Amino acid sequence: MGRRSRKRGGAAEPRRPSGTAAAAPAAPRAAPQDPRRRARLEDAPKAPWSPFPLTELCILIALVLLVVGFLSEGDGQLTTLLAGFGLVTLAAGELSVREHFAGYRSHSSLLSGIAAIVAAAPLFLLGLPQIAVIAIAIAVFAGAFGLLRSAFARRSGGLGFRA
């Protein structure tokens, strides 16, 4: 086997002295305990309903509702669009919460945005001035982002984010 076919990168293996110790195969080393920046698919947290793809089905139904809502006209258009947006928000939010608090992938920005919208929407509907609603939404986003980021760092072994 030529040099080009060998795997490149990584640390070079130390040379072993010749003798009986060199003939024995090296025992596989345990993986280091430091967290990786890239999350592996097999480390993804399982849903409580694990074999059944409930989240994926909810997203599919939401996409169908959104397409039907955009293509239709009449009284049911707004209801269909709101149902589609609501269902996709719930499904994506559930997946984000599960992955975030398991330390699998950081969703601090998305979850902070959801918290800001949940806080701002009722205030807007109550008739507060728009600048006050925006200020409150920004404050909620900033506070939630800090708390969610520190929670993810605790769960992931010190990483601030993981892709």
Foldseek 3Di string as FASTA:
>chain_A
DDPVPDDDDDDDDDDDDDDDVVPDDDDDDDDDPAFDQAFDPVLQDADPVRVDPPLVVLLVVLVVLCVCLVPDDDDCNVVSPVSSVVSNLVSVVVSQVRCLLQLRWQPLQVVLQVQLCVVLVVVVVVPDDPVVSVVSSVVSSVVSSVVSQVSSCVNRVRDSGHD
